[in-house]
Amino acid sequence: MTCVLACVLLGVSMAAPDLDRMQRLARERFGPEAGESVGAWRQMLGDAADLDDQGKLQRVNTFFNRRIAFEDDIVVWQQQDYWATPMETLGRAAGDCEDFSIAKYMSLRLLGIPAEKLRLIYVRASIGGPGSGISQAHMVLGYYPSPADEPLVLDNLIGDIRTASRRPDLFPVFSFNAEGLWVGGSSRSAADPTTRLSRWRDVLERMRKEGLP
């Protein structure tokens, strides 16, 4: 993938989070269990703080894959395509692939992993077995040890973290983070990146209001 230099900067630095505010809002909006869920997330972040990057990736990936149930937006939010904040995902204890990826991304940013090592990757996921020719839109989180390295893929569909070369079922379309947009893969199957970044800007703004930087 090649970086589109004329991209919109969407919040490059990480300010200090207000996790007390986030936990309070979760209780107010979704009830006491939501507050406990945010509390468990905070505990996980504290436990993972001194781990190396690989340990942080594993801890965050396992936490969300085990705690959050996969469910379509129309069921959780009564909308066709809603990108939830981590607080909302924890509050409902359910979300789709975008919600998993956003929550993992923000958790790893809070653990000190720089934005340039993380990208949310929009892919076409092959389903129905080898040679089926059927694919569906999907989002995963990629971790790049260095810019030239292939990414490690954090996915809600499988429990372990694999390199991109070990995920032949995924076909990258475009990726993005808080610093820019990268385009690659088959443009014929890509959703409009401008629309996707509009949703990204919106969820970043809602996160800020909830206490995340």
N, C-alpha and C. Protein backbone atom coordinates (compact mmCIF):
# COMPACT_ATOMS: atom_id res chain seq x y z
N MET A 1 0.84 -1.19 0.00
CA MET A 1 0.00 0.00 0.00
C MET A 1 0.88 1.24 0.00
N THR A 2 0.46 2.28 -0.68
CA THR A 2 1.20 3.54 -0.72
C THR A 2 0.40 4.60 0.00
N CYS A 3 1.12 5.45 0.73
CA CYS A 3 0.44 6.48 1.53
C CYS A 3 -0.05 7.60 0.64
N VAL A 4 -1.28 8.04 0.87
CA VAL A 4 -1.82 9.21 0.20
C VAL A 4 -1.38 10.43 1.01
N LEU A 5 -0.45 11.21 0.48
CA LEU A 5 0.16 12.28 1.25
C LEU A 5 -0.82 13.41 1.54
N ALA A 6 -1.73 13.66 0.59
CA ALA A 6 -2.69 14.75 0.78
C ALA A 6 -3.86 14.24 1.60
N CYS A 7 -3.56 13.79 2.84
CA CYS A 7 -4.60 13.23 3.69
C CYS A 7 -4.95 14.22 4.79
N VAL A 8 -6.08 13.99 5.40
CA VAL A 8 -6.52 14.84 6.50
C VAL A 8 -5.93 14.30 7.79
N LEU A 9 -5.28 15.15 8.56
CA LEU A 9 -4.77 14.71 9.86
C LEU A 9 -5.92 14.66 10.84
N LEU A 10 -6.02 13.55 11.53
CA LEU A 10 -7.19 13.32 12.37
C LEU A 10 -6.80 13.11 13.83
N GLY A 11 -5.98 13.96 14.38
CA GLY A 11 -5.63 13.84 15.77
C GLY A 11 -4.37 13.02 15.95
N VAL A 12 -3.19 13.63 15.82
CA VAL A 12 -1.94 12.90 15.79
C VAL A 12 -1.45 12.54 17.18
N SER A 13 -1.56 13.42 18.14
CA SER A 13 -0.99 13.17 19.46
C SER A 13 -2.03 12.64 20.42
N MET A 14 -1.54 12.03 21.50
CA MET A 14 -2.42 11.47 22.52
C MET A 14 -2.31 12.33 23.78
N ALA A 15 -3.39 13.00 24.15
CA ALA A 15 -3.43 13.74 25.39
C ALA A 15 -3.75 12.77 26.53
N ALA A 16 -3.75 13.28 27.76
CA ALA A 16 -4.04 12.43 28.90
C ALA A 16 -5.52 12.04 28.89
N PRO A 17 -5.83 10.75 29.01
CA PRO A 17 -7.23 10.33 29.02
C PRO A 17 -7.90 10.61 30.36
N ASP A 18 -9.21 10.75 30.34
CA ASP A 18 -9.99 10.88 31.57
C ASP A 18 -10.83 9.61 31.70
N LEU A 19 -10.22 8.56 32.22
CA LEU A 19 -10.89 7.27 32.28
C LEU A 19 -11.96 7.24 33.36
N ASP A 20 -11.83 8.10 34.38
CA ASP A 20 -12.90 8.20 35.38
C ASP A 20 -14.18 8.71 34.72
N ARG A 21 -14.04 9.70 33.87
CA ARG A 21 -15.20 10.24 33.16
C ARG A 21 -15.81 9.17 32.27
N MET A 22 -14.95 8.45 31.56
CA MET A 22 -15.44 7.40 30.67
C MET A 22 -16.22 6.34 31.44
N GLN A 23 -15.72 5.92 32.59
CA GLN A 23 -16.41 4.90 33.37
C GLN A 23 -17.72 5.43 33.95
N ARG A 24 -17.73 6.68 34.36
CA ARG A 24 -18.96 7.28 34.88
C ARG A 24 -20.03 7.38 33.79
N LEU A 25 -19.62 7.83 32.61
CA LEU A 25 -20.57 7.92 31.51
C LEU A 25 -21.11 6.54 31.12
N ALA A 26 -20.27 5.53 31.16
CA ALA A 26 -20.73 4.18 30.83
C ALA A 26 -21.81 3.72 31.80
N ARG A 27 -21.63 3.99 33.07
CA ARG A 27 -22.66 3.63 34.06
C ARG A 27 -23.95 4.40 33.82
N GLU A 28 -23.82 5.70 33.52
CA GLU A 28 -25.00 6.53 33.33
C GLU A 28 -25.79 6.12 32.09
N ARG A 29 -25.10 5.78 31.01
CA ARG A 29 -25.78 5.49 29.74
C ARG A 29 -26.24 4.05 29.62
N PHE A 30 -25.46 3.13 30.18
CA PHE A 30 -25.73 1.71 29.93
C PHE A 30 -25.96 0.88 31.18
N GLY A 31 -25.77 1.46 32.37
CA GLY A 31 -26.04 0.73 33.59
C GLY A 31 -24.78 0.26 34.31
N PRO A 32 -24.95 -0.30 35.53
CA PRO A 32 -23.80 -0.67 36.36
C PRO A 32 -22.88 -1.71 35.73
N GLU A 33 -23.43 -2.65 34.96
CA GLU A 33 -22.57 -3.65 34.34
C GLU A 33 -21.61 -3.02 33.33
N ALA A 34 -22.06 -1.96 32.67
CA ALA A 34 -21.19 -1.25 31.74
C ALA A 34 -20.03 -0.59 32.48
N GLY A 35 -20.32 -0.01 33.64
CA GLY A 35 -19.26 0.57 34.45
C GLY A 35 -18.24 -0.47 34.87
N GLU A 36 -18.74 -1.66 35.23
CA GLU A 36 -17.83 -2.75 35.60
C GLU A 36 -17.00 -3.20 34.41
N SER A 37 -17.59 -3.20 33.22
CA SER A 37 -16.87 -3.60 32.02
C SER A 37 -15.74 -2.62 31.71
N VAL A 38 -16.01 -1.32 31.84
CA VAL A 38 -14.96 -0.32 31.64
C VAL A 38 -13.89 -0.47 32.72
N GLY A 39 -14.32 -0.80 33.95
CA GLY A 39 -13.36 -1.03 35.02
C GLY A 39 -12.45 -2.21 34.71
N ALA A 40 -12.99 -3.29 34.16
CA ALA A 40 -12.18 -4.44 33.78
C ALA A 40 -11.20 -4.08 32.67
N TRP A 41 -11.65 -3.24 31.74
CA TRP A 41 -10.77 -2.76 30.67
C TRP A 41 -9.62 -1.93 31.25
N ARG A 42 -9.93 -1.06 32.20
CA ARG A 42 -8.89 -0.26 32.84
C ARG A 42 -7.89 -1.15 33.57
N GLN A 43 -8.38 -2.18 34.23
CA GLN A 43 -7.50 -3.12 34.91
C GLN A 43 -6.58 -3.83 33.91
N MET A 44 -7.15 -4.22 32.79
CA MET A 44 -6.35 -4.86 31.75
C MET A 44 -5.25 -3.94 31.26
N LEU A 45 -5.58 -2.67 31.03
CA LEU A 45 -4.58 -1.71 30.59
C LEU A 45 -3.47 -1.55 31.62
N GLY A 46 -3.85 -1.51 32.91
CA GLY A 46 -2.85 -1.40 33.96
C GLY A 46 -1.94 -2.62 34.00
N ASP A 47 -2.54 -3.80 33.86
CA ASP A 47 -1.76 -5.03 33.89
C ASP A 47 -0.81 -5.14 32.70
N ALA A 48 -1.21 -4.57 31.56
CA ALA A 48 -0.42 -4.70 30.33
C ALA A 48 0.61 -3.60 30.16
N ALA A 49 0.59 -2.60 31.02
CA ALA A 49 1.40 -1.41 30.81
C ALA A 49 2.89 -1.70 30.69
N ASP A 50 3.40 -2.67 31.43
CA ASP A 50 4.83 -2.94 31.44
C ASP A 50 5.24 -4.06 30.48
N LEU A 51 4.31 -4.60 29.71
CA LEU A 51 4.64 -5.64 28.75
C LEU A 51 5.32 -5.06 27.51
N ASP A 52 6.01 -5.90 26.75
CA ASP A 52 6.53 -5.45 25.47
C ASP A 52 5.38 -5.37 24.47
N ASP A 53 5.67 -4.90 23.27
CA ASP A 53 4.59 -4.70 22.28
C ASP A 53 3.83 -5.99 22.01
N GLN A 54 4.56 -7.10 21.86
CA GLN A 54 3.90 -8.37 21.58
C GLN A 54 2.94 -8.75 22.71
N GLY A 55 3.37 -8.54 23.93
CA GLY A 55 2.51 -8.84 25.07
C GLY A 55 1.28 -7.95 25.11
N LYS A 56 1.46 -6.68 24.78
CA LYS A 56 0.33 -5.75 24.75
C LYS A 56 -0.67 -6.15 23.68
N LEU A 57 -0.17 -6.51 22.50
CA LEU A 57 -1.06 -6.94 21.43
C LEU A 57 -1.90 -8.14 21.86
N GLN A 58 -1.24 -9.12 22.45
CA GLN A 58 -1.94 -10.33 22.85
C GLN A 58 -2.97 -10.04 23.94
N ARG A 59 -2.59 -9.24 24.92
CA ARG A 59 -3.50 -8.95 26.03
C ARG A 59 -4.75 -8.22 25.55
N VAL A 60 -4.55 -7.21 24.70
CA VAL A 60 -5.68 -6.42 24.20
C VAL A 60 -6.56 -7.26 23.28
N ASN A 61 -5.94 -8.02 22.39
CA ASN A 61 -6.71 -8.84 21.45
C ASN A 61 -7.56 -9.86 22.20
N THR A 62 -6.98 -10.51 23.18
CA THR A 62 -7.71 -11.52 23.95
C THR A 62 -8.83 -10.90 24.76
N PHE A 63 -8.57 -9.74 25.35
CA PHE A 63 -9.59 -9.09 26.18
C PHE A 63 -10.86 -8.83 25.39
N PHE A 64 -10.74 -8.20 24.23
CA PHE A 64 -11.94 -7.84 23.47
C PHE A 64 -12.57 -9.05 22.80
N ASN A 65 -11.77 -9.97 22.31
CA ASN A 65 -12.35 -11.14 21.66
C ASN A 65 -13.15 -12.01 22.63
N ARG A 66 -12.76 -11.99 23.89
CA ARG A 66 -13.47 -12.79 24.88
C ARG A 66 -14.64 -12.05 25.52
N ARG A 67 -14.51 -10.74 25.67
CA ARG A 67 -15.53 -9.99 26.42
C ARG A 67 -16.66 -9.48 25.55
N ILE A 68 -16.39 -9.21 24.27
CA ILE A 68 -17.37 -8.59 23.39
C ILE A 68 -17.95 -9.63 22.44
N ALA A 69 -19.27 -9.65 22.35
CA ALA A 69 -19.95 -10.56 21.42
C ALA A 69 -20.07 -9.89 20.06
N PHE A 70 -19.84 -10.66 19.00
CA PHE A 70 -20.03 -10.10 17.66
C PHE A 70 -21.52 -9.97 17.37
N GLU A 71 -21.91 -8.78 16.90
CA GLU A 71 -23.31 -8.55 16.53
C GLU A 71 -23.35 -7.43 15.51
N ASP A 72 -24.29 -7.50 14.58
CA ASP A 72 -24.42 -6.48 13.56
C ASP A 72 -24.92 -5.16 14.14
N ASP A 73 -24.55 -4.06 13.47
CA ASP A 73 -24.96 -2.73 13.92
C ASP A 73 -26.48 -2.59 13.99
N ILE A 74 -27.18 -3.20 13.06
CA ILE A 74 -28.63 -3.04 13.03
C ILE A 74 -29.26 -3.60 14.29
N VAL A 75 -28.63 -4.60 14.89
CA VAL A 75 -29.13 -5.19 16.13
C VAL A 75 -28.71 -4.35 17.33
N VAL A 76 -27.44 -3.94 17.36
CA VAL A 76 -26.91 -3.22 18.52
C VAL A 76 -27.36 -1.77 18.55
N TRP A 77 -27.33 -1.10 17.39
CA TRP A 77 -27.57 0.34 17.33
C TRP A 77 -28.75 0.73 16.46
N GLN A 78 -29.43 -0.22 15.85
CA GLN A 78 -30.55 0.05 14.95
C GLN A 78 -30.14 0.97 13.81
N GLN A 79 -28.88 0.81 13.36
CA GLN A 79 -28.34 1.53 12.21
C GLN A 79 -27.58 0.54 11.34
N GLN A 80 -27.47 0.85 10.05
CA GLN A 80 -26.80 -0.05 9.13
C GLN A 80 -25.28 -0.05 9.31
N ASP A 81 -24.70 1.10 9.63
CA ASP A 81 -23.24 1.20 9.72
C ASP A 81 -22.87 2.24 10.76
N TYR A 82 -22.73 1.80 12.01
CA TYR A 82 -22.40 2.70 13.12
C TYR A 82 -21.05 2.30 13.69
N TRP A 83 -20.13 3.27 13.79
CA TRP A 83 -18.83 2.99 14.38
C TRP A 83 -18.88 3.43 15.84
N ALA A 84 -18.79 2.48 16.74
CA ALA A 84 -18.93 2.72 18.17
C ALA A 84 -17.59 3.11 18.79
N THR A 85 -17.65 3.92 19.83
CA THR A 85 -16.47 4.21 20.64
C THR A 85 -16.18 3.00 21.53
N PRO A 86 -14.97 2.91 22.08
CA PRO A 86 -14.69 1.82 23.03
C PRO A 86 -15.67 1.79 24.21
N MET A 87 -16.06 2.96 24.71
CA MET A 87 -17.01 2.99 25.81
C MET A 87 -18.35 2.39 25.39
N GLU A 88 -18.80 2.72 24.19
CA GLU A 88 -20.07 2.18 23.71
C GLU A 88 -19.99 0.67 23.48
N THR A 89 -18.88 0.23 22.93
CA THR A 89 -18.71 -1.21 22.71
C THR A 89 -18.68 -1.96 24.03
N LEU A 90 -17.94 -1.44 25.01
CA LEU A 90 -17.91 -2.07 26.32
C LEU A 90 -19.27 -1.97 27.01
N GLY A 91 -19.95 -0.85 26.81
CA GLY A 91 -21.25 -0.66 27.44
C GLY A 91 -22.30 -1.63 26.95
N ARG A 92 -22.29 -1.92 25.66
CA ARG A 92 -23.25 -2.86 25.09
C ARG A 92 -22.73 -4.29 25.10
N ALA A 93 -21.42 -4.46 25.35
CA ALA A 93 -20.78 -5.78 25.35
C ALA A 93 -21.00 -6.49 24.02
N ALA A 94 -21.13 -5.71 22.95
CA ALA A 94 -21.37 -6.27 21.62
C ALA A 94 -20.92 -5.24 20.58
N GLY A 95 -20.54 -5.76 19.40
CA GLY A 95 -20.14 -4.88 18.33
C GLY A 95 -19.77 -5.67 17.10
N ASP A 96 -19.54 -4.96 15.99
CA ASP A 96 -19.12 -5.63 14.77
C ASP A 96 -17.62 -5.42 14.58
N CYS A 97 -17.11 -5.79 13.40
CA CYS A 97 -15.66 -5.80 13.19
C CYS A 97 -15.03 -4.42 13.36
N GLU A 98 -15.72 -3.36 12.91
CA GLU A 98 -15.17 -2.02 13.10
C GLU A 98 -15.03 -1.68 14.57
N ASP A 99 -16.02 -2.07 15.37
CA ASP A 99 -16.00 -1.75 16.79
C ASP A 99 -14.87 -2.48 17.51
N PHE A 100 -14.65 -3.75 17.18
CA PHE A 100 -13.52 -4.48 17.74
C PHE A 100 -12.21 -3.79 17.37
N SER A 101 -12.06 -3.44 16.10
CA SER A 101 -10.81 -2.86 15.63
C SER A 101 -10.53 -1.50 16.26
N ILE A 102 -11.55 -0.66 16.38
CA ILE A 102 -11.40 0.66 16.98
C ILE A 102 -11.02 0.52 18.45
N ALA A 103 -11.70 -0.37 19.18
CA ALA A 103 -11.42 -0.54 20.60
C ALA A 103 -9.99 -1.05 20.82
N LYS A 104 -9.54 -1.97 19.98
CA LYS A 104 -8.17 -2.48 20.10
C LYS A 104 -7.16 -1.39 19.75
N TYR A 105 -7.44 -0.63 18.70
CA TYR A 105 -6.55 0.45 18.30
C TYR A 105 -6.36 1.45 19.43
N MET A 106 -7.46 1.92 20.00
CA MET A 106 -7.36 2.93 21.06
C MET A 106 -6.70 2.36 22.31
N SER A 107 -6.97 1.10 22.62
CA SER A 107 -6.33 0.49 23.79
C SER A 107 -4.81 0.45 23.61
N LEU A 108 -4.36 0.07 22.45
CA LEU A 108 -2.92 -0.01 22.20
C LEU A 108 -2.28 1.37 22.15
N ARG A 109 -3.00 2.36 21.66
CA ARG A 109 -2.48 3.74 21.70
C ARG A 109 -2.33 4.18 23.15
N LEU A 110 -3.31 3.86 24.00
CA LEU A 110 -3.21 4.22 25.41
C LEU A 110 -2.06 3.49 26.10
N LEU A 111 -1.69 2.33 25.60
CA LEU A 111 -0.56 1.57 26.14
C LEU A 111 0.77 2.04 25.57
N GLY A 112 0.76 3.09 24.79
CA GLY A 112 2.00 3.70 24.35
C GLY A 112 2.50 3.26 23.00
N ILE A 113 1.75 2.45 22.28
CA ILE A 113 2.17 2.06 20.94
C ILE A 113 1.86 3.20 19.98
N PRO A 114 2.84 3.71 19.25
CA PRO A 114 2.61 4.90 18.41
C PRO A 114 1.67 4.61 17.24
N ALA A 115 1.00 5.65 16.80
CA ALA A 115 0.02 5.52 15.72
C ALA A 115 0.64 4.98 14.45
N GLU A 116 1.92 5.31 14.18
CA GLU A 116 2.52 4.87 12.93
C GLU A 116 2.71 3.35 12.87
N LYS A 117 2.59 2.66 14.00
CA LYS A 117 2.68 1.20 14.01
C LYS A 117 1.32 0.51 13.89
N LEU A 118 0.25 1.30 13.89
CA LEU A 118 -1.09 0.73 13.91
C LEU A 118 -1.92 1.28 12.75
N ARG A 119 -2.66 0.40 12.10
CA ARG A 119 -3.61 0.84 11.07
C ARG A 119 -4.87 -0.01 11.16
N LEU A 120 -6.00 0.64 11.02
CA LEU A 120 -7.25 -0.09 10.81
C LEU A 120 -7.31 -0.42 9.33
N ILE A 121 -7.47 -1.70 9.01
CA ILE A 121 -7.38 -2.16 7.63
C ILE A 121 -8.74 -2.67 7.16
N TYR A 122 -9.26 -2.03 6.13
CA TYR A 122 -10.50 -2.46 5.50
C TYR A 122 -10.15 -3.51 4.46
N VAL A 123 -10.74 -4.69 4.57
CA VAL A 123 -10.40 -5.81 3.70
C VAL A 123 -11.65 -6.43 3.11
N ARG A 124 -11.44 -7.28 2.09
CA ARG A 124 -12.44 -8.23 1.65
C ARG A 124 -12.03 -9.58 2.22
N ALA A 125 -12.90 -10.19 3.00
CA ALA A 125 -12.61 -11.47 3.63
C ALA A 125 -13.27 -12.59 2.84
N SER A 126 -12.47 -13.54 2.40
CA SER A 126 -12.98 -14.69 1.67
C SER A 126 -13.73 -15.61 2.63
N ILE A 127 -14.94 -16.01 2.26
CA ILE A 127 -15.75 -16.90 3.09
C ILE A 127 -16.23 -18.07 2.25
N GLY A 128 -16.68 -19.11 2.92
CA GLY A 128 -17.24 -20.25 2.20
C GLY A 128 -16.21 -21.26 1.76
N GLY A 129 -14.96 -21.16 2.26
CA GLY A 129 -13.96 -22.16 1.93
C GLY A 129 -13.15 -21.79 0.70
N PRO A 130 -12.01 -22.49 0.49
CA PRO A 130 -11.14 -22.20 -0.66
C PRO A 130 -11.89 -22.34 -1.98
N GLY A 131 -11.67 -21.36 -2.85
CA GLY A 131 -12.25 -21.41 -4.18
C GLY A 131 -13.71 -21.04 -4.26
N SER A 132 -14.29 -20.58 -3.15
CA SER A 132 -15.73 -20.25 -3.17
C SER A 132 -16.01 -19.01 -4.00
N GLY A 133 -15.05 -18.07 -4.05
CA GLY A 133 -15.26 -16.83 -4.78
C GLY A 133 -16.17 -15.85 -4.08
N ILE A 134 -16.55 -16.15 -2.84
CA ILE A 134 -17.45 -15.28 -2.07
C ILE A 134 -16.63 -14.52 -1.04
N SER A 135 -16.86 -13.22 -0.94
CA SER A 135 -16.16 -12.41 0.05
C SER A 135 -17.11 -11.40 0.65
N GLN A 136 -16.71 -10.87 1.80
CA GLN A 136 -17.52 -9.85 2.44
C GLN A 136 -16.61 -8.77 3.03
N ALA A 137 -17.16 -7.57 3.20
CA ALA A 137 -16.41 -6.48 3.80
C ALA A 137 -16.08 -6.81 5.24
N HIS A 138 -14.88 -6.45 5.66
CA HIS A 138 -14.43 -6.76 7.01
C HIS A 138 -13.37 -5.74 7.41
N MET A 139 -13.15 -5.56 8.71
CA MET A 139 -12.09 -4.69 9.19
C MET A 139 -11.28 -5.40 10.25
N VAL A 140 -9.95 -5.23 10.18
CA VAL A 140 -9.04 -5.78 11.17
C VAL A 140 -8.08 -4.67 11.59
N LEU A 141 -7.30 -4.96 12.63
CA LEU A 141 -6.27 -4.02 13.07
C LEU A 141 -4.91 -4.59 12.71
N GLY A 142 -4.06 -3.78 12.07
CA GLY A 142 -2.72 -4.20 11.72
C GLY A 142 -1.68 -3.52 12.59
N TYR A 143 -0.69 -4.30 13.03
CA TYR A 143 0.45 -3.77 13.79
C TYR A 143 1.70 -3.95 12.94
N TYR A 144 2.42 -2.86 12.68
CA TYR A 144 3.60 -2.87 11.84
C TYR A 144 4.83 -2.63 12.72
N PRO A 145 5.65 -3.67 12.98
CA PRO A 145 6.86 -3.48 13.80
C PRO A 145 7.75 -2.37 13.27
N SER A 146 7.85 -2.27 11.93
CA SER A 146 8.52 -1.16 11.28
C SER A 146 7.80 -0.94 9.95
N PRO A 147 7.97 0.23 9.32
CA PRO A 147 7.21 0.53 8.11
C PRO A 147 7.39 -0.50 7.00
N ALA A 148 8.54 -1.15 6.93
CA ALA A 148 8.80 -2.10 5.84
C ALA A 148 8.30 -3.51 6.17
N ASP A 149 7.91 -3.77 7.41
CA ASP A 149 7.50 -5.10 7.82
C ASP A 149 6.06 -5.40 7.41
N GLU A 150 5.75 -6.68 7.20
CA GLU A 150 4.36 -7.05 7.02
C GLU A 150 3.67 -6.95 8.38
N PRO A 151 2.39 -6.60 8.38
CA PRO A 151 1.71 -6.40 9.66
C PRO A 151 1.32 -7.71 10.33
N LEU A 152 1.20 -7.63 11.65
CA LEU A 152 0.49 -8.64 12.42
C LEU A 152 -0.97 -8.25 12.43
N VAL A 153 -1.86 -9.21 12.29
CA VAL A 153 -3.28 -8.94 12.15
C VAL A 153 -4.04 -9.34 13.40
N LEU A 154 -4.73 -8.38 13.99
CA LEU A 154 -5.62 -8.61 15.13
C LEU A 154 -7.04 -8.65 14.59
N ASP A 155 -7.72 -9.76 14.79
CA ASP A 155 -9.00 -10.01 14.14
C ASP A 155 -9.97 -10.59 15.17
N ASN A 156 -11.22 -10.17 15.11
CA ASN A 156 -12.22 -10.75 16.01
C ASN A 156 -12.68 -12.13 15.55
N LEU A 157 -12.33 -12.54 14.32
CA LEU A 157 -12.78 -13.82 13.79
C LEU A 157 -11.96 -15.00 14.30
N ILE A 158 -10.70 -14.75 14.66
CA ILE A 158 -9.84 -15.81 15.16
C ILE A 158 -9.13 -15.33 16.41
N GLY A 159 -8.74 -16.25 17.26
CA GLY A 159 -8.17 -15.88 18.55
C GLY A 159 -6.70 -15.50 18.50
N ASP A 160 -5.92 -16.10 17.60
CA ASP A 160 -4.49 -15.84 17.60
C ASP A 160 -4.15 -14.71 16.63
N ILE A 161 -3.00 -14.10 16.88
CA ILE A 161 -2.51 -13.00 16.06
C ILE A 161 -1.55 -13.58 15.03
N ARG A 162 -1.82 -13.32 13.75
CA ARG A 162 -1.01 -13.89 12.68
C ARG A 162 -0.46 -12.79 11.79
N THR A 163 0.66 -13.10 11.12
CA THR A 163 1.17 -12.18 10.12
C THR A 163 0.21 -12.16 8.93
N ALA A 164 0.27 -11.08 8.17
CA ALA A 164 -0.63 -10.94 7.02
C ALA A 164 -0.46 -12.09 6.03
N SER A 165 0.78 -12.59 5.88
CA SER A 165 1.01 -13.68 4.94
C SER A 165 0.33 -14.97 5.37
N ARG A 166 -0.03 -15.08 6.64
CA ARG A 166 -0.74 -16.25 7.14
C ARG A 166 -2.25 -16.03 7.16
N ARG A 167 -2.68 -14.94 6.53
CA ARG A 167 -4.12 -14.67 6.39
C ARG A 167 -4.46 -14.50 4.91
N PRO A 168 -4.31 -15.56 4.11
CA PRO A 168 -4.61 -15.46 2.68
C PRO A 168 -6.08 -15.22 2.40
N ASP A 169 -6.92 -15.33 3.42
CA ASP A 169 -8.35 -15.09 3.25
C ASP A 169 -8.69 -13.61 3.26
N LEU A 170 -7.71 -12.75 3.58
CA LEU A 170 -7.96 -11.31 3.66
C LEU A 170 -7.29 -10.59 2.49
N PHE A 171 -8.04 -9.70 1.84
CA PHE A 171 -7.53 -8.94 0.70
C PHE A 171 -7.63 -7.45 1.03
N PRO A 172 -6.49 -6.79 1.34
CA PRO A 172 -6.53 -5.38 1.75
C PRO A 172 -7.08 -4.47 0.67
N VAL A 173 -7.88 -3.51 1.11
CA VAL A 173 -8.44 -2.51 0.20
C VAL A 173 -7.86 -1.14 0.53
N PHE A 174 -8.01 -0.69 1.77
CA PHE A 174 -7.33 0.51 2.23
C PHE A 174 -7.19 0.44 3.73
N SER A 175 -6.30 1.28 4.27
CA SER A 175 -6.08 1.30 5.71
C SER A 175 -5.89 2.73 6.16
N PHE A 176 -6.02 2.96 7.44
CA PHE A 176 -5.91 4.32 7.97
C PHE A 176 -5.63 4.27 9.46
N ASN A 177 -5.17 5.39 9.98
CA ASN A 177 -4.99 5.59 11.42
C ASN A 177 -5.21 7.06 11.71
N ALA A 178 -4.73 7.54 12.85
CA ALA A 178 -4.95 8.94 13.19
C ALA A 178 -4.09 9.89 12.39
N GLU A 179 -3.23 9.36 11.52
CA GLU A 179 -2.31 10.21 10.78
C GLU A 179 -2.52 10.21 9.28
N GLY A 180 -3.23 9.23 8.74
CA GLY A 180 -3.39 9.23 7.29
C GLY A 180 -4.13 8.04 6.75
N LEU A 181 -4.18 7.99 5.42
CA LEU A 181 -4.91 6.97 4.68
C LEU A 181 -3.98 6.31 3.67
N TRP A 182 -4.00 4.99 3.62
CA TRP A 182 -3.23 4.23 2.64
C TRP A 182 -4.20 3.46 1.76
N VAL A 183 -3.96 3.48 0.45
CA VAL A 183 -4.86 2.83 -0.49
C VAL A 183 -4.11 1.74 -1.22
N GLY A 184 -4.76 0.57 -1.38
CA GLY A 184 -4.16 -0.54 -2.09
C GLY A 184 -5.21 -1.60 -2.33
N GLY A 185 -4.85 -2.65 -3.08
CA GLY A 185 -5.80 -3.71 -3.35
C GLY A 185 -6.70 -3.34 -4.51
N SER A 186 -7.83 -3.99 -4.59
CA SER A 186 -8.76 -3.80 -5.69
C SER A 186 -9.70 -2.64 -5.41
N SER A 187 -9.54 -1.54 -6.16
CA SER A 187 -10.40 -0.39 -5.95
C SER A 187 -11.84 -0.67 -6.35
N ARG A 188 -12.06 -1.69 -7.16
CA ARG A 188 -13.42 -1.98 -7.61
C ARG A 188 -14.32 -2.38 -6.45
N SER A 189 -13.73 -3.05 -5.43
CA SER A 189 -14.54 -3.54 -4.32
C SER A 189 -14.49 -2.64 -3.10
N ALA A 190 -13.78 -1.52 -3.20
CA ALA A 190 -13.59 -0.66 -2.03
C ALA A 190 -14.80 0.23 -1.81
N ALA A 191 -15.17 0.38 -0.55
CA ALA A 191 -16.10 1.43 -0.19
C ALA A 191 -15.38 2.77 -0.33
N ASP A 192 -16.13 3.84 -0.45
CA ASP A 192 -15.55 5.16 -0.63
C ASP A 192 -14.71 5.53 0.59
N PRO A 193 -13.36 5.68 0.46
CA PRO A 193 -12.55 6.03 1.62
C PRO A 193 -12.97 7.33 2.28
N THR A 194 -13.46 8.29 1.49
CA THR A 194 -13.89 9.56 2.07
C THR A 194 -15.03 9.34 3.05
N THR A 195 -15.98 8.48 2.68
CA THR A 195 -17.08 8.17 3.58
C THR A 195 -16.57 7.50 4.83
N ARG A 196 -15.66 6.54 4.67
CA ARG A 196 -15.11 5.83 5.82
C ARG A 196 -14.38 6.78 6.74
N LEU A 197 -13.58 7.73 6.21
CA LEU A 197 -12.86 8.66 7.06
C LEU A 197 -13.81 9.62 7.75
N SER A 198 -14.94 9.92 7.14
CA SER A 198 -15.94 10.74 7.80
C SER A 198 -16.43 10.04 9.06
N ARG A 199 -16.68 8.75 8.98
CA ARG A 199 -17.09 7.99 10.16
C ARG A 199 -15.96 7.94 11.19
N TRP A 200 -14.73 7.85 10.74
CA TRP A 200 -13.57 7.83 11.63
C TRP A 200 -13.45 9.16 12.37
N ARG A 201 -13.58 10.27 11.65
CA ARG A 201 -13.53 11.58 12.31
C ARG A 201 -14.64 11.70 13.36
N ASP A 202 -15.82 11.18 13.02
CA ASP A 202 -16.95 11.26 13.93
C ASP A 202 -16.69 10.46 15.20
N VAL A 203 -16.16 9.25 15.07
CA VAL A 203 -15.95 8.43 16.26
C VAL A 203 -14.80 8.99 17.10
N LEU A 204 -13.78 9.58 16.47
CA LEU A 204 -12.71 10.22 17.23
C LEU A 204 -13.25 11.38 18.06
N GLU A 205 -14.14 12.16 17.48
CA GLU A 205 -14.73 13.29 18.21
C GLU A 205 -15.57 12.80 19.38
N ARG A 206 -16.36 11.76 19.18
CA ARG A 206 -17.17 11.22 20.28
C ARG A 206 -16.30 10.63 21.38
N MET A 207 -15.18 10.01 21.00
CA MET A 207 -14.26 9.49 22.01
C MET A 207 -13.68 10.61 22.87
N ARG A 208 -13.33 11.72 22.24
CA ARG A 208 -12.80 12.85 22.99
C ARG A 208 -13.81 13.35 24.02
N LYS A 209 -15.07 13.41 23.63
CA LYS A 209 -16.11 13.88 24.54
C LYS A 209 -16.32 12.91 25.71
N GLU A 210 -15.99 11.64 25.48
CA GLU A 210 -16.17 10.62 26.51
C GLU A 210 -14.96 10.48 27.43
N GLY A 211 -13.87 11.17 27.10
CA GLY A 211 -12.70 11.13 27.97
C GLY A 211 -11.44 10.56 27.37
N LEU A 212 -11.54 10.03 26.13
CA LEU A 212 -10.33 9.52 25.47
C LEU A 212 -9.71 10.62 24.64
N PRO A 213 -8.37 10.63 24.53
CA PRO A 213 -7.69 11.70 23.79
C PRO A 213 -7.84 11.55 22.29
